[in-house]
Structure formats: C-alpha cells, structure tokens
Amino acid sequence: MYKVIIADDEYMIHRSLAKLVESSEHPFRVVGEAEDGAEALLLLKEKPDLIITDICMPGLDGLAFIEKAKQVRSDVLFLVISGYGEFEYAQRALRLGVEDFLLKPVSPEKFQQTLTAIYHRLEKQKRRVMDYRQWFLGHEELLLQLSDAIWRLDEKAVDELLHKLVHHYEKEAADEIPFPTLNNILQEKIMNELANRGLSFQDHPIYRELTADADEKINATSSVLIQCRAYTQILLHAVKSSRNFGSRTHISKAITYTKDNLSDSTLSVQAAADIAGMSVTYFSRLFKEETGTSYVQYLTRLRMEKAKILLDEQLHSASEICERVGYADYPHFSKTFKKIYGIAPADYSKLHRSI
C-alpha cells in the first residue's frame, strides 16, 4: 500500500482528490489532508510515498513546501495541481523534480492515468530499493556497529565506521547505488535501530532544522564521506538533544547497576557506560557533572563502605570480604582500605572484636 497526502487550500478540491485516490485500481491510501504547506509539512511524519499538492496556497505555498519536504523526505514523489494562470509555476515545479502536474479542473480520467504512471514508477523504485537493500544486508554488522556508536555518542568510532562503510560503497556499489538512495537507506536503518532503543526523533524540529542545514552545506561537494558525515552529525545532535534532559536518568541507571553488582570484579567504567548507553568519555563527563566525582572514585568508595559494614558485622574474614566487594587481589584491597580508613582491614576487624 502506497501512502498519499494531499495539500490544497480548497476543502472541496482536496476532498474530491482524496476520493479519486481511494477509488484507484492501484493500492493507494490517503493518510492525511492539509490546506496549506505548513500543515502538510507536519504530515510528513506519516512517511508518504506520494504528495499531491496545489501551488497557490496561503502561508507556505506549494513550491516552498516541495523544497522543504524534499529536505526531509528526498525519496517522496510529487504530483502538482495547478490553475490555468499558474502554468509558469508548474514549470518551476518540474525543475524541482516533481513527477507531473495537472491543470485545474482535473479530469478524473486524466488523474487516474497519472496515478497509474506514478504507481508503476513507485513499483520500479521499490524493486530497485530492494536490490540496494541486499547490498546493505552484506554489511549489516557494520551498520549495527555504526548505530551503536551513534547511540553511545562515540564520535571517534562513528568516523572510523563511516570510513569503512564509504570505502566498501565506493569499491563495490558506487556505480549501481546513487548516493541519495544510499543515504536514505542508511538513515532509515540507523534510525530504526535507534528507535528500537527508545529514541525516535525524525519528526522532531531539530531533525528538520539540522537536515536543512546539512543540505545547504553539502550541495557544493561530491564527497560521499563528507555527505555521510554531515548526516551522521545530524543523528548525533538529535540523540544529544533527545537526551538533554535525560542524562540524570541514564546516570541513575548506571549507579543502580553499580550498587547491585559491587561483588563483580569485572565491574568497570566501560560496563557502567554500556548500561547507560554512552561512550566511556561522554559517560565519565556526565557522571562527574552529576556526582562531583569520577566513576572509579565512586566505585572505590562504595566498595570500601560495604567492606567496612561487613567487617563491623564480624561474620566474614577480611579475605572473604575482599571477594564480596569485588576485589580479586587481597593486597590491593587491603592497601585501598588502609588508604581510606587509615588501618588495614584485618587490623580493623581485630580492633572491632576487642571493643
């Protein structure tokens, strides 16, 4: 089923167009109707395959709407509806890459013929995209690693993985897969993976704003790497924006995990950062901002506090307590305890028993 949105400032016209679309012999479904370009932009969250739009509308007109919509959904097809006196605007629309234009009043027969042509174009496009996706399947692991690096806000890893992906693309598929298609599928796969982790921001204002900004910056260059980097920066910024007020939740999650796993000798800043879904560098900075101390210092303090409590209970030997608080090496445990409390754990235990 192909999704369609319709934009026309005349209610009766966009209603009649919707009925014509729904009565088509081809699988089209109207998922939204708008009476101006600004309202139509909001409907892009429905991920339409085809947009039918008038040119002369109040506020954001059809041409401006097409330009903005292409920045968000470059793969969507456009059918322009134009009045007799607006033919020159329709010509401009064709230069923007629209599929076709029809003059008002629209003949139902001509409209259905045009829909049929667009349907065949969409089918051809779908088959081509399916072929392209086969190439991506061969690099699924690399894409998952890239999504994970974006999720963790690890910009160094993102850059390294992009270099690998672009190298494979230029070597294996550059002659077959146009860059816009590569970029669209790449973004889709990464955003789907991020959505699985609870982040969805494609319809967020910052996503549209940054996408438009990136388009302006990369128009003058043909470097695939630069273009891919520009769009992954959008995703990184969007992840940061989505987390702007959620960092405390992520740090709190890592703290809870740490408290529950003090006996695990493999517990580390890397493990805590993984739980928080961040790179070690980003996690360490946020952790210190939230707690006023480094993660290693925090972990050490928790372990020593627990060790002291266990020693006070006098139910276990110092060597047993060493293991219970996550130390595999007793001398290291004893040295750390003495550094904090001024006395070795074994001596502390003896002193406590004598009181």
Protein backbone atom coordinates (compact mmCIF):
# COMPACT_ATOMS: atom_id res chain seq x y z
CA MET A 1 0.00 0.00 0.00
CA TYR A 2 1.40 3.41 -1.01
CA LYS A 3 0.69 6.34 1.31
CA VAL A 4 -0.57 9.65 -0.10
CA ILE A 5 -1.01 13.09 1.44
CA ILE A 6 -2.93 15.90 -0.28
CA ALA A 7 -2.41 19.65 0.15
CA ASP A 8 -4.92 22.14 -1.30
CA ASP A 9 -6.43 25.23 0.29
CA GLU A 10 -9.87 24.45 -1.15
CA TYR A 11 -11.64 21.88 1.00
CA MET A 12 -13.89 20.51 -1.75
CA ILE A 13 -10.92 20.02 -4.07
CA HIS A 14 -8.70 18.10 -1.64
CA ARG A 15 -11.73 16.04 -0.59
CA SER A 16 -12.56 15.13 -4.21
CA LEU A 17 -8.90 14.34 -4.91
CA ALA A 18 -8.85 12.07 -1.87
CA LYS A 19 -11.89 10.19 -3.19
CA LEU A 20 -10.25 9.80 -6.61
CA VAL A 21 -7.10 8.42 -4.98
CA GLU A 22 -9.06 5.97 -2.83
CA SER A 23 -11.03 4.76 -5.87
CA SER A 24 -7.87 3.99 -7.84
CA GLU A 25 -7.34 0.41 -9.01
CA HIS A 26 -3.87 0.65 -7.52
CA PRO A 27 -3.01 0.31 -3.81
CA PHE A 28 -3.01 3.98 -2.76
CA ARG A 29 -4.25 5.17 0.63
CA VAL A 30 -4.72 8.79 1.72
CA VAL A 31 -3.07 9.21 5.14
CA GLY A 32 -3.55 12.96 5.52
CA GLU A 33 -5.05 16.12 4.03
CA ALA A 34 -3.82 19.69 4.52
CA GLU A 35 -4.95 23.16 3.49
CA ASP A 36 -1.51 24.81 3.37
CA GLY A 37 2.16 23.88 3.12
CA ALA A 38 2.91 24.30 6.82
CA GLU A 39 0.16 21.86 7.75
CA ALA A 40 1.35 19.47 5.06
CA LEU A 41 4.89 19.50 6.48
CA LEU A 42 3.52 18.12 9.74
CA LEU A 43 2.03 15.21 7.80
CA LEU A 44 5.47 14.05 6.63
CA LYS A 45 5.64 12.01 9.83
CA GLU A 46 3.21 9.66 8.06
CA LYS A 47 6.06 8.82 5.63
CA PRO A 48 4.11 9.34 2.39
CA ASP A 49 5.20 7.82 -0.90
CA LEU A 50 3.28 10.40 -2.95
CA ILE A 51 2.32 14.01 -2.22
CA ILE A 52 -0.37 15.73 -4.30
CA THR A 53 -0.15 19.49 -3.83
CA ASP A 54 -1.58 22.73 -5.14
CA ILE A 55 0.83 25.58 -5.85
CA CYS A 56 -1.05 28.67 -4.70
CA MET A 57 -1.83 28.20 -1.01
CA PRO A 58 -1.78 30.72 1.86
CA GLY A 59 1.33 30.95 4.00
CA LEU A 60 3.78 28.32 2.79
CA ASP A 61 2.95 27.83 -0.90
CA GLY A 62 3.32 24.63 -2.88
CA LEU A 63 6.78 25.32 -4.29
CA ALA A 64 8.25 26.27 -0.91
CA PHE A 65 6.57 23.22 0.59
CA ILE A 66 8.10 20.93 -2.04
CA GLU A 67 11.59 22.30 -1.34
CA LYS A 68 11.23 21.84 2.42
CA ALA A 69 9.62 18.42 2.10
CA LYS A 70 12.46 17.17 -0.10
CA GLN A 71 14.91 18.10 2.63
CA VAL A 72 13.13 15.70 4.97
CA ARG A 73 11.96 13.01 2.51
CA SER A 74 14.09 13.15 -0.62
CA ASP A 75 12.58 9.92 -1.98
CA VAL A 76 8.93 11.05 -1.98
CA LEU A 77 7.18 11.69 -5.33
CA PHE A 78 5.17 14.85 -6.07
CA LEU A 79 2.15 15.45 -8.27
CA VAL A 80 1.35 19.16 -8.68
CA ILE A 81 -2.16 20.51 -9.27
CA SER A 82 -2.07 23.93 -10.96
CA GLY A 83 -4.61 26.53 -12.06
CA TYR A 84 -4.61 27.78 -15.67
CA GLY A 85 -2.95 31.07 -14.68
CA GLU A 86 -0.15 29.33 -12.78
CA PHE A 87 1.46 27.40 -15.62
CA GLU A 88 4.84 29.12 -15.15
CA TYR A 89 4.82 27.96 -11.51
CA ALA A 90 4.20 24.41 -12.68
CA GLN A 91 7.26 24.67 -14.90
CA ARG A 92 9.29 25.71 -11.86
CA ALA A 93 7.83 22.74 -10.00
CA LEU A 94 9.08 20.40 -12.73
CA ARG A 95 12.55 21.84 -12.27
CA LEU A 96 12.23 20.89 -8.60
CA GLY A 97 11.82 17.29 -9.72
CA VAL A 98 8.08 16.70 -9.42
CA GLU A 99 6.64 13.73 -11.29
CA ASP A 100 3.92 15.57 -13.20
CA PHE A 101 1.40 18.39 -12.99
CA LEU A 102 -2.26 18.57 -13.87
CA LEU A 103 -4.29 21.65 -14.71
CA LYS A 104 -7.46 22.51 -12.82
CA PRO A 105 -10.19 21.48 -13.24
CA VAL A 106 -8.80 17.96 -13.03
CA SER A 107 -10.29 15.35 -15.35
CA PRO A 108 -10.93 12.12 -13.37
CA GLU A 109 -9.72 10.07 -16.35
CA LYS A 110 -6.50 12.05 -16.70
CA PHE A 111 -5.97 11.93 -12.94
CA GLN A 112 -6.30 8.13 -12.88
CA GLN A 113 -3.93 7.81 -15.86
CA THR A 114 -1.39 9.92 -13.99
CA LEU A 115 -1.83 7.83 -10.84
CA THR A 116 -1.22 4.68 -12.88
CA ALA A 117 2.03 6.11 -14.25
CA ILE A 118 3.12 7.12 -10.75
CA TYR A 119 2.19 3.68 -9.42
CA HIS A 120 4.47 2.00 -11.96
CA ARG A 121 7.24 4.45 -11.04
CA LEU A 122 6.81 3.59 -7.34
CA GLU A 123 6.87 -0.13 -8.10
CA LYS A 124 10.06 0.24 -10.10
CA GLN A 125 11.56 2.35 -7.33
CA LYS A 126 10.59 -0.28 -4.75
CA ARG A 127 12.24 -3.09 -6.73
CA ARG A 128 15.39 -1.02 -7.10
CA VAL A 129 15.48 -0.21 -3.39
CA MET A 130 15.04 -3.91 -2.58
CA ASP A 131 18.08 -4.65 -4.72
CA TYR A 132 20.00 -1.91 -2.92
CA ARG A 133 18.99 -3.32 0.46
CA GLN A 134 20.66 -6.59 -0.48
CA TRP A 135 23.96 -4.73 -0.53
CA PHE A 136 23.26 -3.34 2.94
CA LEU A 137 22.47 -6.84 4.21
CA GLY A 138 26.03 -7.77 3.37
CA HIS A 139 27.22 -5.03 5.71
CA GLU A 140 24.62 -5.46 8.46
CA GLU A 141 27.20 -5.86 11.22
CA LEU A 142 28.93 -2.63 10.22
CA LEU A 143 25.60 -0.78 10.27
CA LEU A 144 24.78 -2.15 13.72
CA GLN A 145 28.17 -1.00 14.99
CA LEU A 146 27.57 2.44 13.50
CA SER A 147 24.12 2.68 15.12
CA ASP A 148 25.62 1.62 18.44
CA ALA A 149 28.37 4.23 18.19
CA ILE A 150 25.78 6.95 17.48
CA TRP A 151 23.70 5.73 20.42
CA ARG A 152 26.78 5.93 22.68
CA LEU A 153 27.71 9.35 21.19
CA ASP A 154 31.15 7.96 20.38
CA GLU A 155 32.13 10.35 17.58
CA LYS A 156 35.55 8.80 17.03
CA ALA A 157 34.03 5.36 16.45
CA VAL A 158 31.34 6.88 14.20
CA ASP A 159 34.01 8.46 12.00
CA GLU A 160 36.06 5.24 11.78
CA LEU A 161 33.00 3.15 10.89
CA LEU A 162 31.87 5.69 8.29
CA HIS A 163 35.27 5.47 6.62
CA LYS A 164 34.85 1.68 6.41
CA LEU A 165 31.30 1.88 5.07
CA VAL A 166 32.14 4.51 2.44
CA HIS A 167 35.20 2.50 1.38
CA HIS A 168 33.00 -0.56 0.77
CA TYR A 169 30.40 1.57 -1.05
CA GLU A 170 32.91 3.22 -3.39
CA LYS A 171 34.61 -0.09 -4.10
CA GLU A 172 31.52 -2.28 -4.54
CA ALA A 173 28.38 -0.27 -5.28
CA ALA A 174 29.02 3.37 -6.24
CA ASP A 175 28.18 2.69 -9.90
CA GLU A 176 24.90 0.96 -9.03
CA ILE A 177 23.52 2.77 -5.97
CA PRO A 178 23.04 6.56 -6.24
CA PHE A 179 24.25 8.40 -3.17
CA PRO A 180 20.80 9.83 -2.23
CA THR A 181 19.48 6.26 -2.10
CA LEU A 182 22.47 5.10 -0.06
CA ASN A 183 21.95 7.98 2.34
CA ASN A 184 18.19 7.41 2.67
CA ILE A 185 18.55 3.70 3.41
CA LEU A 186 21.48 4.35 5.75
CA GLN A 187 19.49 6.90 7.76
CA GLU A 188 16.42 4.66 7.80
CA LYS A 189 18.35 1.66 9.11
CA ILE A 190 20.18 3.68 11.75
CA MET A 191 17.02 5.46 12.91
CA ASN A 192 15.13 2.17 13.08
CA GLU A 193 17.89 0.74 15.25
CA LEU A 194 17.85 3.82 17.49
CA ALA A 195 14.05 3.63 17.68
CA ASN A 196 14.43 0.07 18.97
CA ARG A 197 16.47 1.58 21.80
CA GLY A 198 13.71 4.06 22.60
CA LEU A 199 14.85 7.09 20.62
CA SER A 200 12.57 8.47 17.90
CA PHE A 201 13.27 11.96 16.62
CA GLN A 202 12.67 12.06 12.87
CA ASP A 203 9.69 14.39 13.26
CA HIS A 204 11.41 16.49 15.93
CA PRO A 205 12.04 20.15 14.91
CA ILE A 206 15.79 19.83 15.48
CA TYR A 207 15.93 16.95 12.98
CA ARG A 208 14.28 19.02 10.23
CA GLU A 209 16.41 22.06 11.07
CA LEU A 210 19.69 20.17 11.03
CA THR A 211 18.76 18.26 7.87
CA ALA A 212 18.08 21.51 6.04
CA ASP A 213 21.35 22.96 7.33
CA ALA A 214 23.30 19.89 6.19
CA ASP A 215 21.72 20.01 2.72
CA GLU A 216 22.89 23.61 2.31
CA LYS A 217 26.43 22.77 3.39
CA ILE A 218 26.96 19.71 1.19
CA ASN A 219 25.46 20.93 -2.08
CA ALA A 220 28.82 22.13 -3.31
CA THR A 221 30.71 18.89 -2.68
CA SER A 222 30.57 15.46 -4.28
CA SER A 223 32.48 13.70 -1.49
CA VAL A 224 30.41 10.77 -0.27
CA LEU A 225 32.31 10.70 3.02
CA ILE A 226 31.63 14.38 3.72
CA GLN A 227 27.94 13.94 2.92
CA CYS A 228 27.60 10.83 5.10
CA ARG A 229 29.44 12.58 7.92
CA ALA A 230 27.08 15.56 7.66
CA TYR A 231 24.04 13.35 8.12
CA THR A 232 25.50 11.27 10.93
CA GLN A 233 26.25 14.55 12.70
CA ILE A 234 22.51 15.28 12.44
CA LEU A 235 21.78 11.99 14.15
CA LEU A 236 24.41 12.62 16.84
CA HIS A 237 22.99 16.09 17.54
CA ALA A 238 19.46 14.70 17.62
CA VAL A 239 20.48 11.98 20.08
CA LYS A 240 22.14 14.61 22.27
CA SER A 241 19.05 16.80 22.05
CA SER A 242 16.75 13.90 22.94
CA ARG A 243 18.96 13.12 25.93
CA ASN A 244 19.36 16.73 27.01
CA PHE A 245 17.05 16.30 29.98
CA GLY A 246 17.53 12.58 30.37
CA SER A 247 21.18 12.34 31.36
CA ARG A 248 20.30 12.03 35.06
CA THR A 249 18.13 9.02 34.29
CA HIS A 250 20.99 7.32 32.43
CA ILE A 251 23.49 8.08 35.20
CA SER A 252 20.98 6.90 37.82
CA LYS A 253 20.62 3.64 35.92
CA ALA A 254 24.40 3.15 35.96
CA ILE A 255 24.54 3.95 39.69
CA THR A 256 21.84 1.40 40.49
CA TYR A 257 23.65 -1.21 38.41
CA THR A 258 26.91 -0.42 40.22
CA LYS A 259 25.34 -0.76 43.69
CA ASP A 260 23.75 -4.08 42.73
CA ASN A 261 26.97 -5.55 41.34
CA LEU A 262 29.72 -4.49 43.77
CA SER A 263 30.87 -8.11 44.10
CA ASP A 264 31.62 -8.32 40.38
CA SER A 265 35.38 -7.96 39.98
CA THR A 266 34.94 -7.09 36.28
CA LEU A 267 32.80 -4.04 37.10
CA SER A 268 34.35 -1.05 35.34
CA VAL A 269 33.64 2.36 33.87
CA GLN A 270 33.19 0.63 30.48
CA ALA A 271 30.50 -1.67 31.89
CA ALA A 272 28.69 1.26 33.53
CA ALA A 273 28.90 3.32 30.32
CA ASP A 274 27.41 0.41 28.38
CA ILE A 275 24.50 0.23 30.82
CA ALA A 276 23.95 3.98 30.37
CA GLY A 277 24.19 3.60 26.59
CA MET A 278 27.06 6.06 26.22
CA SER A 279 30.70 6.15 25.21
CA VAL A 280 33.16 6.00 28.11
CA THR A 281 34.28 9.58 27.51
CA TYR A 282 30.76 11.01 27.42
CA PHE A 283 29.63 8.89 30.38
CA SER A 284 32.64 9.89 32.50
CA ARG A 285 32.00 13.58 31.89
CA LEU A 286 28.28 13.34 32.69
CA PHE A 287 28.92 11.15 35.74
CA LYS A 288 31.31 13.69 37.24
CA GLU A 289 28.87 16.52 36.49
CA GLU A 290 26.09 14.65 38.30
CA THR A 291 28.04 13.22 41.27
CA GLY A 292 31.03 15.52 41.66
CA THR A 293 33.44 12.59 41.49
CA SER A 294 34.84 10.18 38.91
CA TYR A 295 33.23 6.79 38.41
CA VAL A 296 36.34 4.92 39.62
CA GLN A 297 36.46 7.01 42.82
CA TYR A 298 32.73 6.47 43.33
CA LEU A 299 33.04 2.70 42.84
CA THR A 300 36.00 2.51 45.21
CA ARG A 301 34.14 4.47 47.91
CA LEU A 302 31.07 2.21 47.63
CA ARG A 303 33.20 -0.92 47.89
CA MET A 304 35.11 0.35 50.90
CA GLU A 305 31.91 1.43 52.66
CA LYS A 306 30.41 -2.01 52.10
CA ALA A 307 33.64 -3.69 53.25
CA LYS A 308 33.57 -1.66 56.47
CA ILE A 309 29.93 -2.65 57.12
CA LEU A 310 30.77 -6.33 56.58
CA LEU A 311 33.78 -6.08 58.88
CA ASP A 312 31.60 -4.48 61.55
CA GLU A 313 29.20 -7.45 61.33
CA GLN A 314 32.11 -9.85 62.10
CA LEU A 315 30.52 -12.65 60.07
CA HIS A 316 33.29 -12.99 57.47
CA SER A 317 37.05 -12.87 57.34
CA ALA A 318 38.83 -9.97 55.67
CA SER A 319 39.82 -12.18 52.72
CA GLU A 320 36.19 -13.27 52.21
CA ILE A 321 35.04 -9.67 52.37
CA CYS A 322 37.67 -8.80 49.77
CA GLU A 323 35.87 -11.08 47.30
CA ARG A 324 32.41 -9.90 48.37
CA VAL A 325 33.23 -6.33 47.40
CA GLY A 326 34.71 -7.23 44.01
CA TYR A 327 38.46 -7.41 44.62
CA ALA A 328 40.34 -10.33 43.13
CA ASP A 329 43.62 -9.25 44.73
CA TYR A 330 43.71 -9.06 48.57
CA PRO A 331 46.86 -6.88 48.85
CA HIS A 332 45.24 -4.30 46.58
CA PHE A 333 42.03 -4.43 48.64
CA SER A 334 43.95 -4.06 51.90
CA LYS A 335 46.02 -1.16 50.59
CA THR A 336 42.92 0.67 49.33
CA PHE A 337 41.05 0.15 52.61
CA LYS A 338 44.01 1.42 54.64
CA LYS A 339 44.36 4.47 52.39
CA ILE A 340 40.76 5.47 53.13
CA TYR A 341 40.35 4.42 56.77
CA GLY A 342 43.97 4.60 57.97
CA ILE A 343 44.05 0.95 59.04
CA ALA A 344 44.30 -2.41 57.25
CA PRO A 345 41.03 -4.43 57.10
CA ALA A 346 42.44 -7.34 59.13
CA ASP A 347 43.62 -4.94 61.86
CA TYR A 348 40.28 -3.11 61.75
CA SER A 349 38.49 -6.42 62.29
CA LYS A 350 40.71 -7.32 65.26
CA LEU A 351 40.25 -3.86 66.76
CA HIS A 352 36.49 -4.09 66.37
CA ARG A 353 36.38 -7.51 68.07
CA SER A 354 38.35 -6.21 71.05
CA ILE A 355 35.92 -3.37 71.70
